[in-house]
C-alpha atoms as a PDB file:
ATOM      1  CA  MET A   1      11.968  -3.114 -39.727  1.00  0.00           C
ATOM      2  CA  LEU A   2      11.813  -0.049 -37.511  1.00  0.00           C
ATOM      3  CA  LYS A   3      12.822   3.332 -38.907  1.00  0.00           C
ATOM      4  CA  THR A   4      16.038   4.836 -37.560  1.00  0.00           C
ATOM      5  CA  SER A   5      14.376   7.209 -35.033  1.00  0.00           C
ATOM      6  CA  ALA A   6      11.995   4.537 -33.729  1.00  0.00           C
ATOM      7  CA  ARG A   7      14.842   2.029 -33.596  1.00  0.00           C
ATOM      8  CA  LEU A   8      16.995   4.396 -31.524  1.00  0.00           C
ATOM      9  CA  LEU A   9      14.178   4.842 -29.029  1.00  0.00           C
ATOM     10  CA  ARG A  10      13.697   1.083 -28.812  1.00  0.00           C
ATOM     11  CA  LEU A  11      17.444   0.571 -28.316  1.00  0.00           C
ATOM     12  CA  LEU A  12      17.506   3.221 -25.592  1.00  0.00           C
ATOM     13  CA  SER A  13      14.584   1.542 -23.864  1.00  0.00           C
ATOM     14  CA  LEU A  14      16.442  -1.798 -23.850  1.00  0.00           C
ATOM     15  CA  LEU A  15      19.606  -0.206 -22.463  1.00  0.00           C
ATOM     16  CA  GLN A  16      17.678   1.592 -19.693  1.00  0.00           C
ATOM     17  CA  THR A  17      16.720  -1.714 -18.105  1.00  0.00           C
ATOM     18  CA  GLY A  18      20.183  -1.761 -16.498  1.00  0.00           C
ATOM     19  CA  THR A  19      21.060  -5.185 -17.922  1.00  0.00           C
ATOM     20  CA  GLU A  20      24.192  -5.586 -20.026  1.00  0.00           C
ATOM     21  CA  LEU A  21      23.175  -6.873 -23.451  1.00  0.00           C
ATOM     22  CA  SER A  22      25.478  -8.209 -26.145  1.00  0.00           C
ATOM     23  CA  GLY A  23      25.505  -6.936 -29.711  1.00  0.00           C
ATOM     24  CA  PRO A  24      23.866 -10.112 -31.093  1.00  0.00           C
ATOM     25  CA  GLU A  25      21.131  -9.936 -28.401  1.00  0.00           C
ATOM     26  CA  LEU A  26      20.329  -6.340 -29.301  1.00  0.00           C
ATOM     27  CA  ALA A  27      20.411  -7.173 -33.008  1.00  0.00           C
ATOM     28  CA  GLU A  28      17.946 -10.036 -32.494  1.00  0.00           C
ATOM     29  CA  ARG A  29      15.522  -7.901 -30.461  1.00  0.00           C
ATOM     30  CA  LEU A  30      15.678  -5.015 -32.910  1.00  0.00           C
ATOM     31  CA  ARG A  31      15.678  -7.325 -35.955  1.00  0.00           C
ATOM     32  CA  VAL A  32      18.715  -5.634 -37.460  1.00  0.00           C
ATOM     33  CA  SER A  33      22.333  -6.603 -38.119  1.00  0.00           C
ATOM     34  CA  PRO A  34      25.113  -6.280 -35.483  1.00  0.00           C
ATOM     35  CA  ARG A  35      26.663  -3.606 -37.696  1.00  0.00           C
ATOM     36  CA  THR A  36      23.446  -1.526 -37.460  1.00  0.00           C
ATOM     37  CA  VAL A  37      23.517  -1.928 -33.673  1.00  0.00           C
ATOM     38  CA  ARG A  38      27.047  -0.509 -33.563  1.00  0.00           C
ATOM     39  CA  TYR A  39      25.931   2.390 -35.776  1.00  0.00           C
ATOM     40  CA  ASP A  40      22.963   3.131 -33.480  1.00  0.00           C
ATOM     41  CA  ILE A  41      25.173   2.929 -30.384  1.00  0.00           C
ATOM     42  CA  ASP A  42      27.416   5.599 -31.903  1.00  0.00           C
ATOM     43  CA  LYS A  43      24.349   7.763 -32.597  1.00  0.00           C
ATOM     44  CA  LEU A  44      23.250   7.514 -28.959  1.00  0.00           C
ATOM     45  CA  ARG A  45      26.717   8.524 -27.812  1.00  0.00           C
ATOM     46  CA  GLU A  46      26.603  11.558 -30.120  1.00  0.00           C
ATOM     47  CA  LEU A  47      23.304  12.533 -28.463  1.00  0.00           C
ATOM     48  CA  GLY A  48      24.976  12.453 -25.062  1.00  0.00           C
ATOM     49  CA  TYR A  49      24.002   9.014 -23.776  1.00  0.00           C
ATOM     50  CA  PRO A  50      26.900   7.327 -21.908  1.00  0.00           C
ATOM     51  CA  VAL A  51      26.769   3.862 -23.503  1.00  0.00           C
ATOM     52  CA  HIS A  52      29.607   1.686 -22.198  1.00  0.00           C
ATOM     53  CA  ALA A  53      30.915  -1.383 -24.024  1.00  0.00           C
ATOM     54  CA  THR A  54      32.620  -4.395 -22.444  1.00  0.00           C
ATOM     55  CA  PRO A  55      34.866  -6.250 -24.931  1.00  0.00           C
ATOM     56  CA  GLY A  56      35.140 -10.017 -25.240  1.00  0.00           C
ATOM     57  CA  VAL A  57      32.832 -12.976 -25.757  1.00  0.00           C
ATOM     58  CA  ALA A  58      30.928 -12.287 -22.521  1.00  0.00           C
ATOM     59  CA  GLY A  59      30.882  -8.520 -23.095  1.00  0.00           C
ATOM     60  CA  GLY A  60      28.084  -6.250 -24.149  1.00  0.00           C
ATOM     61  CA  TYR A  61      26.576  -2.780 -23.914  1.00  0.00           C
ATOM     62  CA  ARG A  62      25.106  -0.990 -20.917  1.00  0.00           C
ATOM     63  CA  LEU A  63      23.932   2.535 -20.169  1.00  0.00           C
ATOM     64  CA  GLY A  64      26.118   4.316 -17.643  1.00  0.00           C
ATOM     65  CA  THR A  65      25.597   7.434 -15.554  1.00  0.00           C
ATOM     66  CA  GLY A  66      26.416  10.742 -17.162  1.00  0.00           C
ATOM     67  CA  GLY A  67      26.740  14.370 -16.202  1.00  0.00           C
ATOM     68  CA  ARG A  68      23.099  15.147 -17.049  1.00  0.00           C
ATOM     69  CA  LEU A  69      19.793  13.309 -17.070  1.00  0.00           C
ATOM     70  CA  PRO A  70      18.895  12.032 -20.563  1.00  0.00           C
ATOM     71  CA  PRO A  71      15.280  11.531 -21.665  1.00  0.00           C
ATOM     72  CA  LEU A  72      13.792   8.549 -19.862  1.00  0.00           C
ATOM     73  CA  LEU A  73      11.655   5.967 -21.647  1.00  0.00           C
ATOM     74  CA  LEU A  74       8.931   4.157 -19.682  1.00  0.00           C
ATOM     75  CA  ASP A  75       6.530   1.434 -20.727  1.00  0.00           C
ATOM     76  CA  ASP A  76       2.870   1.590 -19.661  1.00  0.00           C
ATOM     77  CA  GLU A  77       3.239  -0.268 -16.362  1.00  0.00           C
ATOM     78  CA  GLU A  78       6.364   1.688 -15.426  1.00  0.00           C
ATOM     79  CA  ALA A  79       4.604   4.991 -16.111  1.00  0.00           C
ATOM     80  CA  VAL A  80       1.672   3.983 -13.882  1.00  0.00           C
ATOM     81  CA  ALA A  81       4.035   2.903 -11.110  1.00  0.00           C
ATOM     82  CA  VAL A  82       6.013   6.167 -11.260  1.00  0.00           C
ATOM     83  CA  ALA A  83       2.845   8.288 -11.261  1.00  0.00           C
ATOM     84  CA  VAL A  84       1.423   6.460  -8.226  1.00  0.00           C
ATOM     85  CA  SER A  85       4.728   6.820  -6.360  1.00  0.00           C
ATOM     86  CA  LEU A  86       4.943  10.536  -7.169  1.00  0.00           C
ATOM     87  CA  ARG A  87       1.369  11.054  -6.019  1.00  0.00           C
ATOM     88  CA  THR A  88       2.146   9.329  -2.707  1.00  0.00           C
ATOM     89  CA  ALA A  89       5.256  11.472  -2.204  1.00  0.00           C
ATOM     90  CA  ALA A  90       3.379  14.638  -3.177  1.00  0.00           C
ATOM     91  CA  GLY A  91       0.878  13.872  -0.446  1.00  0.00           C
ATOM     92  CA  GLY A  92       3.589  14.333   2.172  1.00  0.00           C
ATOM     93  CA  SER A  93       4.532  10.727   2.925  1.00  0.00           C
ATOM     94  CA  VAL A  94       8.180  11.608   2.224  1.00  0.00           C
ATOM     95  CA  ALA A  95       9.182  14.845   3.942  1.00  0.00           C
ATOM     96  CA  GLY A  96      10.899  17.558   1.920  1.00  0.00           C
ATOM     97  CA  ILE A  97      10.054  16.450  -1.624  1.00  0.00           C
ATOM     98  CA  GLU A  98       6.358  17.340  -1.879  1.00  0.00           C
ATOM     99  CA  GLU A  99       6.808  20.323  -4.237  1.00  0.00           C
ATOM    100  CA  THR A 100       9.349  18.518  -6.431  1.00  0.00           C
ATOM    101  CA  SER A 101       7.023  15.506  -6.699  1.00  0.00           C
ATOM    102  CA  VAL A 102       4.146  17.731  -7.796  1.00  0.00           C
ATOM    103  CA  ARG A 103       6.267  19.270 -10.584  1.00  0.00           C
ATOM    104  CA  ALA A 104       7.479  15.879 -11.788  1.00  0.00           C
ATOM    105  CA  LEU A 105       3.946  14.483 -11.675  1.00  0.00           C
ATOM    106  CA  ALA A 106       2.642  17.408 -13.744  1.00  0.00           C
ATOM    107  CA  LYS A 107       5.306  16.839 -16.426  1.00  0.00           C
ATOM    108  CA  LEU A 108       4.605  13.107 -16.568  1.00  0.00           C
ATOM    109  CA  HIS A 109       0.833  13.617 -16.735  1.00  0.00           C
ATOM    110  CA  GLN A 110       1.218  16.051 -19.659  1.00  0.00           C
ATOM    111  CA  LEU A 111       3.068  13.441 -21.731  1.00  0.00           C
ATOM    112  CA  LEU A 112       0.863  10.453 -20.961  1.00  0.00           C
ATOM    113  CA  PRO A 113      -1.474   9.026 -23.607  1.00  0.00           C
ATOM    114  CA  ASP A 114      -5.189   9.117 -22.811  1.00  0.00           C
ATOM    115  CA  ARG A 115      -5.410   5.425 -21.923  1.00  0.00           C
ATOM    116  CA  LEU A 116      -2.794   5.827 -19.176  1.00  0.00           C
ATOM    117  CA  ARG A 117      -4.249   9.105 -17.963  1.00  0.00           C
ATOM    118  CA  ARG A 118      -7.529   7.341 -17.282  1.00  0.00           C
ATOM    119  CA  ARG A 119      -5.845   4.517 -15.362  1.00  0.00           C
ATOM    120  CA  ILE A 120      -3.731   6.863 -13.269  1.00  0.00           C
ATOM    121  CA  GLY A 121      -6.629   9.260 -12.826  1.00  0.00           C
ATOM    122  CA  ALA A 122      -8.699   6.423 -11.404  1.00  0.00           C
ATOM    123  CA  LEU A 123      -5.928   5.479  -8.982  1.00  0.00           C
ATOM    124  CA  HIS A 124      -5.556   9.081  -7.833  1.00  0.00           C
ATOM    125  CA  GLY A 125      -9.250   9.873  -7.624  1.00  0.00           C
ATOM    126  CA  TYR A 126     -10.262   6.774  -5.697  1.00  0.00           C
ATOM    127  CA  THR A 127      -7.295   6.313  -3.361  1.00  0.00           C
ATOM    128  CA  VAL A 128      -7.138   7.476   0.257  1.00  0.00           C
ATOM    129  CA  ALA A 129      -3.968   7.422   2.386  1.00  0.00           C
ATOM    130  CA  VAL A 130      -4.216   6.746   6.126  1.00  0.00           C
ATOM    131  CA  SER A 131      -1.759   5.986   8.906  1.00  0.00           C
ATOM    132  CA  PRO A 132       1.169   3.694   7.988  1.00  0.00           C
ATOM    133  CA  ALA A 133       1.030  -0.065   8.505  1.00  0.00           C
ATOM    134  CA  GLY A 134       3.933  -2.130   9.686  1.00  0.00           C
ATOM    135  CA  PRO A 135       6.676  -3.378   7.356  1.00  0.00           C
ATOM    136  CA  GLY A 136       6.584  -6.712   5.574  1.00  0.00           C
ATOM    137  CA  ALA A 137       3.128  -6.394   4.038  1.00  0.00           C
ATOM    138  CA  PRO A 138       2.504  -8.583   0.973  1.00  0.00           C
ATOM    139  CA  PRO A 139       2.829  -6.793  -2.392  1.00  0.00           C
ATOM    140  CA  VAL A 140      -0.180  -5.926  -4.557  1.00  0.00           C
ATOM    141  CA  ASP A 141      -0.066  -6.325  -8.326  1.00  0.00           C
ATOM    142  CA  ALA A 142      -0.203  -3.021 -10.240  1.00  0.00           C
ATOM    143  CA  ASP A 143      -2.776  -4.429 -12.679  1.00  0.00           C
ATOM    144  CA  LEU A 144      -5.032  -5.346  -9.743  1.00  0.00           C
ATOM    145  CA  LEU A 145      -4.770  -1.798  -8.395  1.00  0.00           C
ATOM    146  CA  ALA A 146      -5.639  -0.308 -11.779  1.00  0.00           C
ATOM    147  CA  THR A 147      -8.513  -2.769 -12.285  1.00  0.00           C
ATOM    148  CA  VAL A 148     -10.148  -2.083  -8.924  1.00  0.00           C
ATOM    149  CA  ALA A 149      -9.607   1.679  -9.237  1.00  0.00           C
ATOM    150  CA  GLY A 150     -11.275   1.555 -12.655  1.00  0.00           C
ATOM    151  CA  ALA A 151     -14.272  -0.240 -11.152  1.00  0.00           C
ATOM    152  CA  CYS A 152     -14.501   2.496  -8.488  1.00  0.00           C
ATOM    153  CA  ARG A 153     -14.395   5.178 -11.175  1.00  0.00           C
ATOM    154  CA  ASP A 154     -16.893   3.476 -13.492  1.00  0.00           C
ATOM    155  CA  ARG A 155     -19.286   2.509 -10.647  1.00  0.00           C
ATOM    156  CA  GLN A 156     -19.169  -1.136 -11.675  1.00  0.00           C
ATOM    157  CA  ARG A 157     -19.875  -4.017  -9.314  1.00  0.00           C
ATOM    158  CA  LEU A 158     -17.024  -6.375  -8.529  1.00  0.00           C
ATOM    159  CA  ARG A 159     -17.324 -10.122  -8.154  1.00  0.00           C
ATOM    160  CA  PHE A 160     -14.254 -11.572  -6.465  1.00  0.00           C
ATOM    161  CA  ASP A 161     -12.840 -14.453  -4.473  1.00  0.00           C
ATOM    162  CA  TYR A 162     -11.725 -13.294  -1.038  1.00  0.00           C
ATOM    163  CA  ARG A 163      -9.520 -15.028   1.519  1.00  0.00           C
ATOM    164  CA  THR A 164     -10.413 -14.125   5.109  1.00  0.00           C
ATOM    165  CA  HIS A 165      -7.851 -13.739   7.908  1.00  0.00           C
ATOM    166  CA  ASP A 166      -8.419 -17.354   8.973  1.00  0.00           C
ATOM    167  CA  GLY A 167      -7.771 -18.684   5.448  1.00  0.00           C
ATOM    168  CA  ARG A 168     -11.360 -19.333   4.313  1.00  0.00           C
ATOM    169  CA  GLU A 169     -12.162 -18.676   0.650  1.00  0.00           C
ATOM    170  CA  THR A 170     -15.434 -16.823  -0.003  1.00  0.00           C
ATOM    171  CA  LEU A 171     -17.159 -15.437  -3.095  1.00  0.00           C
ATOM    172  CA  ARG A 172     -18.175 -11.794  -2.640  1.00  0.00           C
ATOM    173  CA  GLU A 173     -20.005  -9.180  -4.673  1.00  0.00           C
ATOM    174  CA  ALA A 174     -19.591  -5.526  -3.781  1.00  0.00           C
ATOM    175  CA  GLU A 175     -19.960  -1.974  -5.007  1.00  0.00           C
ATOM    176  CA  PRO A 176     -16.426  -0.488  -4.875  1.00  0.00           C
ATOM    177  CA  TYR A 177     -15.988   3.095  -3.673  1.00  0.00           C
ATOM    178  CA  ARG A 178     -12.420   3.797  -2.515  1.00  0.00           C
ATOM    179  CA  LEU A 179      -8.931   2.301  -2.453  1.00  0.00           C
ATOM    180  CA  VAL A 180      -7.129   2.941   0.824  1.00  0.00           C
ATOM    181  CA  HIS A 181      -3.338   3.029   1.047  1.00  0.00           C
ATOM    182  CA  ALA A 182      -2.212   2.324   4.614  1.00  0.00           C
ATOM    183  CA  GLY A 183       1.561   2.204   4.640  1.00  0.00           C
ATOM    184  CA  ARG A 184       2.507  -0.853   2.571  1.00  0.00           C
ATOM    185  CA  ARG A 185      -0.998  -2.335   2.503  1.00  0.00           C
ATOM    186  CA  TRP A 186      -3.915  -1.606   0.184  1.00  0.00           C
ATOM    187  CA  TYR A 187      -7.595  -1.923   1.091  1.00  0.00           C
ATOM    188  CA  LEU A 188     -10.891  -1.625  -0.757  1.00  0.00           C
ATOM    189  CA  VAL A 189     -13.839   0.146   0.884  1.00  0.00           C
ATOM    190  CA  ALA A 190     -17.045  -1.191  -0.657  1.00  0.00           C
ATOM    191  CA  TRP A 191     -20.730  -1.897  -0.082  1.00  0.00           C
ATOM    192  CA  ASP A 192     -21.175  -5.657   0.368  1.00  0.00           C
ATOM    193  CA  THR A 193     -24.402  -6.466  -1.478  1.00  0.00           C
ATOM    194  CA  ALA A 194     -25.045  -9.769   0.328  1.00  0.00           C
ATOM    195  CA  ARG A 195     -24.483  -8.355   3.829  1.00  0.00           C
ATOM    196  CA  GLU A 196     -26.066  -5.006   2.965  1.00  0.00           C
ATOM    197  CA  ASP A 197     -23.389  -3.069   4.804  1.00  0.00           C
ATOM    198  CA  TRP A 198     -20.056  -1.300   4.296  1.00  0.00           C
ATOM    199  CA  ARG A 199     -17.006  -3.538   4.356  1.00  0.00           C
ATOM    200  CA  THR A 200     -13.215  -3.170   4.034  1.00  0.00           C
ATOM    201  CA  PHE A 201     -11.226  -5.791   2.094  1.00  0.00           C
ATOM    202  CA  ARG A 202      -7.469  -6.417   1.980  1.00  0.00           C
ATOM    203  CA  LEU A 203      -6.501  -6.080  -1.670  1.00  0.00           C
ATOM    204  CA  ASP A 204      -3.781  -8.747  -1.539  1.00  0.00           C
ATOM    205  CA  ARG A 205      -6.481 -11.274  -0.521  1.00  0.00           C
ATOM    206  CA  LEU A 206      -8.809 -10.325  -3.388  1.00  0.00           C
ATOM    207  CA  ARG A 207      -9.011 -11.943  -6.845  1.00  0.00           C
ATOM    208  CA  PRO A 208     -11.528 -10.308  -9.232  1.00  0.00           C
ATOM    209  CA  ARG A 209     -13.699 -12.453 -11.452  1.00  0.00           C
ATOM    210  CA  VAL A 210     -14.347 -11.506 -15.067  1.00  0.00           C
ATOM    211  CA  PRO A 211     -16.711 -10.281 -16.354  1.00  0.00           C
ATOM    212  CA  PHE A 212     -17.586  -7.648 -13.761  1.00  0.00           C
ATOM    213  CA  GLY A 213     -21.128  -7.072 -12.579  1.00  0.00           C
ATOM    214  CA  ALA A 214     -23.561  -4.397 -13.687  1.00  0.00           C
ATOM    215  CA  ARG A 215     -23.119  -0.695 -13.038  1.00  0.00           C
ATOM    216  CA  PHE A 216     -24.599   0.648  -9.816  1.00  0.00           C
ATOM    217  CA  VAL A 217     -26.075   3.911  -8.582  1.00  0.00           C
ATOM    218  CA  PRO A 218     -23.830   5.390  -5.860  1.00  0.00           C
ATOM    219  CA  ARG A 219     -25.202   5.240  -2.321  1.00  0.00           C
ATOM    220  CA  GLY A 220     -23.260   8.347  -1.331  1.00  0.00           C
ATOM    221  CA  GLU A 221     -19.827   8.539   0.230  1.00  0.00           C
ATOM    222  CA  PRO A 222     -18.830   5.888   2.792  1.00  0.00           C
ATOM    223  CA  PRO A 223     -19.058   7.014   6.451  1.00  0.00           C
ATOM    224  CA  ALA A 224     -16.239   9.409   7.314  1.00  0.00           C
ATOM    225  CA  ASP A 225     -14.694   7.090   9.907  1.00  0.00           C
ATOM    226  CA  LEU A 226     -15.113   3.920   7.853  1.00  0.00           C
ATOM    227  CA  VAL A 227     -11.703   4.131   6.219  1.00  0.00           C
ATOM    228  CA  GLN A 228      -9.698   4.160   9.446  1.00  0.00           C
ATOM    229  CA  ARG A 229     -12.147   1.943  11.337  1.00  0.00           C
ATOM    230  CA  GLY A 230     -12.314  -0.554   8.493  1.00  0.00           C
ATOM    231  CA  VAL A 231      -8.549  -0.740   8.096  1.00  0.00           C
ATOM    232  CA  ASP A 232      -8.126  -1.232  11.844  1.00  0.00           C
ATOM    233  CA  THR A 233     -10.702  -4.029  11.714  1.00  0.00           C
ATOM    234  CA  VAL A 234      -9.015  -5.815   8.811  1.00  0.00           C
ATOM    235  CA  ARG A 235      -5.595  -5.532  10.455  1.00  0.00           C
ATOM    236  CA  ALA A 236      -6.830  -6.783  13.817  1.00  0.00           C
ATOM    237  CA  ARG A 237      -7.303 -10.521  14.059  1.00  0.00           C
ATOM    238  CA  TRP A 238      -7.832 -10.596  17.846  1.00  0.00           C
ATOM    239  CA  ARG A 239     -10.728  -8.742  19.475  1.00  0.00           C
ATOM    240  CA  ALA A 240     -12.176  -8.405  22.958  1.00  0.00           C
ATOM    241  CA  ARG A 241     -15.125  -6.722  24.660  1.00  0.00           C
ATOM    242  CA  VAL A 242     -13.620  -4.977  27.689  1.00  0.00           C
ATOM    243  CA  THR A 243     -15.687  -3.537  30.541  1.00  0.00           C
ATOM    244  CA  VAL A 244     -13.798  -0.520  31.880  1.00  0.00           C
ATOM    245  CA  HIS A 245     -14.576   1.111  35.232  1.00  0.00           C
ATOM    246  CA  GLU A 246     -14.372   4.692  34.046  1.00  0.00           C
ATOM    247  CA  PRO A 247     -16.766   7.002  32.161  1.00  0.00           C
ATOM    248  CA  ALA A 248     -16.863   6.649  28.380  1.00  0.00           C
ATOM    249  CA  GLU A 249     -15.840  10.298  27.905  1.00  0.00           C
ATOM    250  CA  ALA A 250     -12.638   9.817  29.917  1.00  0.00           C
ATOM    251  CA  ILE A 251     -11.654   6.649  28.060  1.00  0.00           C
ATOM    252  CA  SER A 252     -12.476   8.068  24.607  1.00  0.00           C
ATOM    253  CA  ALA A 253     -10.094  10.952  25.262  1.00  0.00           C
ATOM    254  CA  ARG A 254      -7.171   8.498  25.706  1.00  0.00           C
ATOM    255  CA  ILE A 255      -7.596   6.245  22.689  1.00  0.00           C
ATOM    256  CA  PRO A 256      -7.889   6.642  18.890  1.00  0.00           C
ATOM    257  CA  ALA A 257     -11.276   7.700  17.552  1.00  0.00           C
ATOM    258  CA  SER A 258     -11.444   4.496  15.480  1.00  0.00           C
ATOM    259  CA  VAL A 259     -11.847   2.386  18.670  1.00  0.00           C
ATOM    260  CA  ALA A 260     -15.522   1.956  19.585  1.00  0.00           C
ATOM    261  CA  VAL A 261     -16.531   2.924  23.140  1.00  0.00           C
ATOM    262  CA  GLU A 262     -20.050   2.288  24.497  1.00  0.00           C
ATOM    263  CA  PRO A 263     -21.221   3.833  27.779  1.00  0.00           C
ATOM    264  CA  LEU A 264     -22.847   1.423  30.242  1.00  0.00           C
ATOM    265  CA  ASP A 265     -23.643   3.985  32.938  1.00  0.00           C
ATOM    266  CA  GLU A 266     -22.049   7.106  34.395  1.00  0.00           C
ATOM    267  CA  ARG A 267     -19.067   5.165  35.754  1.00  0.00           C
ATOM    268  CA  ARG A 268     -18.522   2.317  33.300  1.00  0.00           C
ATOM    269  CA  CYS A 269     -18.143   1.733  29.557  1.00  0.00           C
ATOM    270  CA  VAL A 270     -17.348  -1.028  27.081  1.00  0.00           C
ATOM    271  CA  VAL A 271     -14.278  -0.772  24.865  1.00  0.00           C
ATOM    272  CA  HIS A 272     -14.134  -2.909  21.707  1.00  0.00           C
ATOM    273  CA  ALA A 273     -10.379  -3.523  21.651  1.00  0.00           C
ATOM    274  CA  SER A 274      -8.483  -5.213  18.823  1.00  0.00           C
ATOM    275  CA  ALA A 275      -4.927  -6.035  17.783  1.00  0.00           C
ATOM    276  CA  ASP A 276      -2.949  -8.333  15.501  1.00  0.00           C
ATOM    277  CA  SER A 277      -1.851 -10.631  18.370  1.00  0.00           C
ATOM    278  CA  PRO A 278      -3.136 -11.574  21.855  1.00  0.00           C
ATOM    279  CA  TYR A 279      -0.058 -10.022  23.467  1.00  0.00           C
ATOM    280  CA  ARG A 280      -0.554  -6.668  21.735  1.00  0.00           C
ATOM    281  CA  LEU A 281      -4.231  -6.810  22.646  1.00  0.00           C
ATOM    282  CA  ALA A 282      -3.258  -7.237  26.296  1.00  0.00           C
ATOM    283  CA  LEU A 283      -0.933  -4.234  26.087  1.00  0.00           C
ATOM    284  CA  HIS A 284      -3.655  -2.106  24.483  1.00  0.00           C
ATOM    285  CA  ILE A 285      -6.033  -2.949  27.335  1.00  0.00           C
ATOM    286  CA  LEU A 286      -3.432  -2.190  30.005  1.00  0.00           C
ATOM    287  CA  ALA A 287      -2.724   1.134  28.278  1.00  0.00           C
ATOM    288  CA  LEU A 288      -6.285   2.210  29.134  1.00  0.00           C
ATOM    289  CA  ASP A 289      -4.889   2.852  32.643  1.00  0.00           C
ATOM    290  CA  ALA A 290      -8.118   1.849  34.370  1.00  0.00           C
ATOM    291  CA  GLU A 291      -9.712  -1.069  36.188  1.00  0.00           C
ATOM    292  CA  PHE A 292     -11.223  -3.502  33.711  1.00  0.00           C
ATOM    293  CA  GLU A 293     -12.949  -6.852  33.282  1.00  0.00           C
ATOM    294  CA  VAL A 294     -12.577  -9.206  30.323  1.00  0.00           C
ATOM    295  CA  ASP A 295     -13.589 -12.868  29.976  1.00  0.00           C
ATOM    296  CA  GLY A 296     -11.819 -13.944  26.796  1.00  0.00           C
ATOM    297  CA  PRO A 297     -10.586 -15.120  24.463  1.00  0.00           C
ATOM    298  CA  PRO A 298      -8.341 -17.615  26.298  1.00  0.00           C
ATOM    299  CA  GLU A 299      -5.227 -16.434  24.424  1.00  0.00           C
ATOM    300  CA  LEU A 300      -5.818 -12.896  25.702  1.00  0.00           C
ATOM    301  CA  LEU A 301      -6.237 -14.088  29.294  1.00  0.00           C
ATOM    302  CA  HIS A 302      -2.980 -16.020  29.011  1.00  0.00           C
ATOM    303  CA  SER A 303      -1.190 -12.924  27.694  1.00  0.00           C
ATOM    304  CA  LEU A 304      -2.574 -10.797  30.520  1.00  0.00           C
ATOM    305  CA  ARG A 305      -1.327 -13.316  33.075  1.00  0.00           C
ATOM    306  CA  THR A 306       2.092 -13.358  31.366  1.00  0.00           C
ATOM    307  CA  VAL A 307       2.349  -9.569  31.487  1.00  0.00           C
ATOM    308  CA  GLY A 308       1.240  -9.578  35.127  1.00  0.00           C
ATOM    309  CA  ALA A 309       3.855 -12.175  36.075  1.00  0.00           C
ATOM    310  CA  ARG A 310       6.591 -10.167  34.400  1.00  0.00           C
ATOM    311  CA  CYS A 311       5.556  -7.024  36.253  1.00  0.00           C
ATOM    312  CA  THR A 312       5.547  -8.928  39.559  1.00  0.00           C
ATOM    313  CA  ALA A 313       9.035 -10.227  38.853  1.00  0.00           C
ATOM    314  CA  ALA A 314      10.366  -6.726  38.082  1.00  0.00           C
ATOM    315  CA  PRO A 315      13.032  -5.243  40.429  1.00  0.00           C
ATOM    316  CA  PRO A 316      11.691  -3.343  43.448  1.00  0.00           C
ATOM    317  CA  GLU A 317      11.182   0.384  43.138  1.00  0.00           C
ATOM    318  CA  VAL A 318      14.312   2.455  43.775  1.00  0.00           C
ATOM    319  CA  ARG A 319      13.583   5.495  45.959  1.00  0.00           C
ATOM    320  CA  PRO A 320      15.407   8.798  45.515  1.00  0.00           C
ATOM    321  CA  GLY A 321      18.676   8.688  47.432  1.00  0.00           C
ATOM    322  CA  ASP A 322      18.964   4.891  47.219  1.00  0.00           C
ATOM    323  CA  GLY A 323      21.627   3.193  45.174  1.00  0.00           C
ATOM    324  CA  PRO A 324      25.339   2.584  45.352  1.00  0.00           C
ATOM    325  CA  ARG A 325      27.434   4.945  47.383  1.00  0.00           C
ATOM    326  CA  GLY A 326      31.047   5.731  46.812  1.00  0.00           C
END
């Protein structure tokens, strides 16, 4: 049986879940009598916790909102989740709360046991934030994040099953270096040992195999532009090689640095365009604002024709002075 102080903390933790629990349910979880539960509830109220009781057969206890913030109890996974969220906010992803997030993160870090400090330290030390992704991204399990971050920290090879964008399952082995947080998506930047090159993997498509591989000697930091370029590549399912009739310098000045541009001669260049749909790919190419040539894929050509037809069907240009007159 738990001692009184430990039992009160356990009771408070159960009440902080937000679920209304009956006296018998609390007694069963705490392995005490209903009378002891009522005694402990009174103790919490004396300490300032607003514990509300609903009478009747279907009634129970729940923790209400009070005039001040009582001590908050978190389990291991909750503490990791809060620390990661505070770190993201402290980095400026939520305007106006950066300083407050830093203070809260410092308080939480001071109270954490060593085992959680190492997990959160790995997540912080090996995570990079880049431009936001669109909404609706699939969630990533917190244990998976902590596992991969630990492999980055410990320089330990990962063996994992990976599902490509077209649904194929592959077995990969890689040396993990950085986790990348792009909006609501997570990516792993790693050295693919079979392909002998840097690669970026979507974390929600990755399933680690246990045991991990051997430790590796770091090859140095990944290329500076790999994070953004790799994330753009993983996001983009549709790609095209576009010949543009303008100098490479002029085109590079109009588009993100992550888009590859190759000069052909003084007047032409090749743009390696990509997007998550043929229609968006067509819009990206048109946004180059230059004469271009592209021979595929067929879905892109269809989208370009669709956009062209819509522009042709648009209303005629209205000149200044035209329009209805009173």
